C-alpha atoms as a PDB file:
ATOM      1  CA  MET A   1      13.154  -1.100 -19.837  1.00  0.00           C
ATOM      2  CA  ALA A   2      15.390  -1.403 -23.198  1.00  0.00           C
ATOM      3  CA  ARG A   3      12.418  -3.323 -24.873  1.00  0.00           C
ATOM      4  CA  THR A   4       9.727  -0.477 -24.133  1.00  0.00           C
ATOM      5  CA  ASP A   5      11.981   2.477 -23.730  1.00  0.00           C
ATOM      6  CA  CYS A   6       8.895   3.734 -21.545  1.00  0.00           C
ATOM      7  CA  TRP A   7      10.478   3.864 -17.819  1.00  0.00           C
ATOM      8  CA  GLU A   8      13.669   5.180 -16.128  1.00  0.00           C
ATOM      9  CA  ARG A   9      13.675   2.429 -13.732  1.00  0.00           C
ATOM     10  CA  VAL A  10      11.759  -0.735 -12.785  1.00  0.00           C
ATOM     11  CA  GLU A  11      11.363  -1.908  -9.277  1.00  0.00           C
ATOM     12  CA  ARG A  12      10.125  -5.483  -8.589  1.00  0.00           C
ATOM     13  CA  VAL A  13       7.381  -6.053  -6.380  1.00  0.00           C
ATOM     14  CA  LEU A  14       7.211  -9.807  -5.327  1.00  0.00           C
ATOM     15  CA  LEU A  15       6.083 -12.373  -2.774  1.00  0.00           C
ATOM     16  CA  THR A  16       8.722 -12.833   0.153  1.00  0.00           C
ATOM     17  CA  ASP A  17       9.695 -15.899   2.013  1.00  0.00           C
ATOM     18  CA  GLY A  18       8.515 -14.384   4.940  1.00  0.00           C
ATOM     19  CA  GLN A  19       5.375 -13.326   3.148  1.00  0.00           C
ATOM     20  CA  VAL A  20       5.018 -17.039   1.792  1.00  0.00           C
ATOM     21  CA  ARG A  21       5.237 -18.148   5.407  1.00  0.00           C
ATOM     22  CA  GLU A  22       3.109 -15.620   7.064  1.00  0.00           C
ATOM     23  CA  TYR A  23       0.212 -16.115   4.534  1.00  0.00           C
ATOM     24  CA  GLN A  24       1.023 -19.911   4.531  1.00  0.00           C
ATOM     25  CA  LEU A  25       0.363 -19.888   1.251  1.00  0.00           C
ATOM     26  CA  PRO A  26       0.593 -23.426  -0.677  1.00  0.00           C
ATOM     27  CA  PRO A  27       3.265 -24.757  -2.848  1.00  0.00           C
ATOM     28  CA  ALA A  28       2.584 -25.491  -6.515  1.00  0.00           C
ATOM     29  CA  GLU A  29       4.459 -27.669  -8.931  1.00  0.00           C
ATOM     30  CA  GLY A  30       7.266 -25.739 -10.533  1.00  0.00           C
ATOM     31  CA  LYS A  31       8.227 -25.643 -14.289  1.00  0.00           C
ATOM     32  CA  ARG A  32      10.660 -28.295 -14.617  1.00  0.00           C
ATOM     33  CA  ASP A  33      12.121 -26.683 -18.069  1.00  0.00           C
ATOM     34  CA  ASP A  34      12.758 -23.234 -15.993  1.00  0.00           C
ATOM     35  CA  PRO A  35      16.755 -22.821 -16.515  1.00  0.00           C
ATOM     36  CA  ARG A  36      16.635 -20.667 -13.171  1.00  0.00           C
ATOM     37  CA  TRP A  37      15.199 -23.583 -11.017  1.00  0.00           C
ATOM     38  CA  PRO A  38      18.787 -25.388 -10.234  1.00  0.00           C
ATOM     39  CA  GLY A  39      20.338 -22.373  -9.125  1.00  0.00           C
ATOM     40  CA  PHE A  40      17.461 -21.153  -6.853  1.00  0.00           C
ATOM     41  CA  ALA A  41      16.895 -24.759  -5.328  1.00  0.00           C
ATOM     42  CA  ARG A  42      20.658 -25.034  -4.374  1.00  0.00           C
ATOM     43  CA  ARG A  43      20.836 -21.602  -3.403  1.00  0.00           C
ATOM     44  CA  TYR A  44      17.415 -22.137  -0.683  1.00  0.00           C
ATOM     45  CA  GLY A  45      17.758 -25.993  -0.039  1.00  0.00           C
ATOM     46  CA  PHE A  46      15.032 -27.326  -2.696  1.00  0.00           C
ATOM     47  CA  ASP A  47      15.070 -30.392  -4.184  1.00  0.00           C
ATOM     48  CA  ILE A  48      16.466 -29.735  -8.024  1.00  0.00           C
ATOM     49  CA  ASP A  49      14.143 -32.404  -9.073  1.00  0.00           C
ATOM     50  CA  ARG A  50      11.055 -31.307  -7.435  1.00  0.00           C
ATOM     51  CA  PRO A  51      10.374 -27.589  -8.794  1.00  0.00           C
ATOM     52  CA  VAL A  52       7.966 -25.552  -6.641  1.00  0.00           C
ATOM     53  CA  GLN A  53       6.804 -22.010  -6.765  1.00  0.00           C
ATOM     54  CA  TRP A  54       4.008 -19.819  -5.149  1.00  0.00           C
ATOM     55  CA  GLU A  55       1.763 -17.659  -6.898  1.00  0.00           C
ATOM     56  CA  VAL A  56       0.742 -14.222  -5.502  1.00  0.00           C
ATOM     57  CA  GLU A  57      -2.848 -15.159  -6.722  1.00  0.00           C
ATOM     58  CA  ALA A  58      -3.044 -17.529  -3.466  1.00  0.00           C
ATOM     59  CA  LEU A  59      -3.415 -14.448  -1.483  1.00  0.00           C
ATOM     60  CA  GLU A  60      -6.620 -13.150  -0.386  1.00  0.00           C
ATOM     61  CA  PRO A  61      -7.645 -10.682  -3.051  1.00  0.00           C
ATOM     62  CA  ALA A  62      -8.256  -7.745  -0.556  1.00  0.00           C
ATOM     63  CA  GLU A  63      -4.676  -8.506   0.895  1.00  0.00           C
ATOM     64  CA  LEU A  64      -3.284  -8.562  -2.362  1.00  0.00           C
ATOM     65  CA  LYS A  65      -4.527  -5.245  -3.347  1.00  0.00           C
ATOM     66  CA  ARG A  66      -3.507  -4.011  -0.020  1.00  0.00           C
ATOM     67  CA  LEU A  67       0.299  -5.170  -0.904  1.00  0.00           C
ATOM     68  CA  VAL A  68       0.124  -3.676  -4.362  1.00  0.00           C
ATOM     69  CA  MET A  69      -1.199  -0.503  -3.219  1.00  0.00           C
ATOM     70  CA  GLU A  70       1.554  -0.229  -0.280  1.00  0.00           C
ATOM     71  CA  ALA A  71       4.172  -0.991  -2.875  1.00  0.00           C
ATOM     72  CA  VAL A  72       2.910   1.699  -5.350  1.00  0.00           C
ATOM     73  CA  ASP A  73       1.552   4.603  -3.072  1.00  0.00           C
ATOM     74  CA  GLY A  74       4.983   6.367  -2.983  1.00  0.00           C
ATOM     75  CA  TYR A  75       4.625   6.637  -6.667  1.00  0.00           C
ATOM     76  CA  ILE A  76       1.209   8.335  -6.915  1.00  0.00           C
ATOM     77  CA  ASP A  77       0.528  12.099  -8.155  1.00  0.00           C
ATOM     78  CA  ARG A  78      -2.278  12.690  -5.936  1.00  0.00           C
ATOM     79  CA  GLU A  79      -3.012  15.908  -7.882  1.00  0.00           C
ATOM     80  CA  ILE A  80      -2.766  14.342 -11.293  1.00  0.00           C
ATOM     81  CA  LEU A  81      -5.049  11.625  -9.781  1.00  0.00           C
ATOM     82  CA  ALA A  82      -7.706  13.721  -8.814  1.00  0.00           C
ATOM     83  CA  GLU A  83      -7.557  15.492 -12.007  1.00  0.00           C
ATOM     84  CA  VAL A  84      -7.728  12.227 -13.879  1.00  0.00           C
ATOM     85  CA  MET A  85     -10.746  11.220 -11.947  1.00  0.00           C
ATOM     86  CA  ALA A  86     -12.314  14.282 -11.860  1.00  0.00           C
ATOM     87  CA  GLU A  87     -11.951  14.287 -16.006  1.00  0.00           C
ATOM     88  CA  GLU A  88     -13.280  10.494 -16.064  1.00  0.00           C
ATOM     89  CA  GLU A  89     -16.524  11.303 -13.938  1.00  0.00           C
ATOM     90  CA  GLN A  90     -17.233  14.409 -16.410  1.00  0.00           C
ATOM     91  CA  GLN A  91     -16.777  11.752 -19.283  1.00  0.00           C
ATOM     92  CA  ARG A  92     -19.065   9.131 -17.453  1.00  0.00           C
ATOM     93  CA  ALA A  93     -21.876  11.789 -17.135  1.00  0.00           C
ATOM     94  CA  GLN A  94     -21.688  13.054 -20.764  1.00  0.00           C
ATOM     95  CA  LEU A  95     -21.943   9.341 -22.096  1.00  0.00           C
ATOM     96  CA  ALA A  96     -25.032   9.337 -19.614  1.00  0.00           C
ATOM     97  CA  ALA A  97     -26.428  11.949 -20.912  1.00  0.00           C
ATOM     98  CA  ILE A  98     -26.436  10.727 -24.383  1.00  0.00           C
ATOM     99  CA  LEU A  99     -27.666   7.365 -23.429  1.00  0.00           C
ATOM    100  CA  GLY A 100     -30.529   9.142 -21.956  1.00  0.00           C
ATOM    101  CA  GLN A 101     -31.381  11.109 -24.913  1.00  0.00           C
ATOM    102  CA  GLN A 102     -31.309   8.209 -27.025  1.00  0.00           C
ATOM    103  CA  GLN A 103     -33.516   5.823 -24.800  1.00  0.00           C
ATOM    104  CA  ASP A 104     -36.172   9.028 -24.613  1.00  0.00           C
ATOM    105  CA  GLY A 105     -36.071   9.796 -28.329  1.00  0.00           C
END
C-alpha cells in the first residue's frame, strides 16, 4: 500500500492448510534462501532443512477461478461493472465496424 499509494487496505487471499489438505495439493520444493522459512517450519512442525511450499496454480483452473471470484465478489459494484461492460461492448462494435469498412474498401 505504501509503495503504490492506491489502496486504503489490502486483504490477502491465500491457500489455507485446510485447502491444501482438501484438494490434496502436492508440495513443491521451497526456497532455501527464504528468510521466513525457519520460523514457519518451527511454527508448523516442518523440517527446517527441507523447505516446502504449495502453489495455488496446482488447483484446477475452474476451482481457482471460483475461489478468487468468491474472495472478490463482495467488493464488486455491479452497477459500475455493467456500465463498463456496456462501454466495452460498444467499443468492440465500433472496432468491428471499422474493420469491416477496411475489408470492403
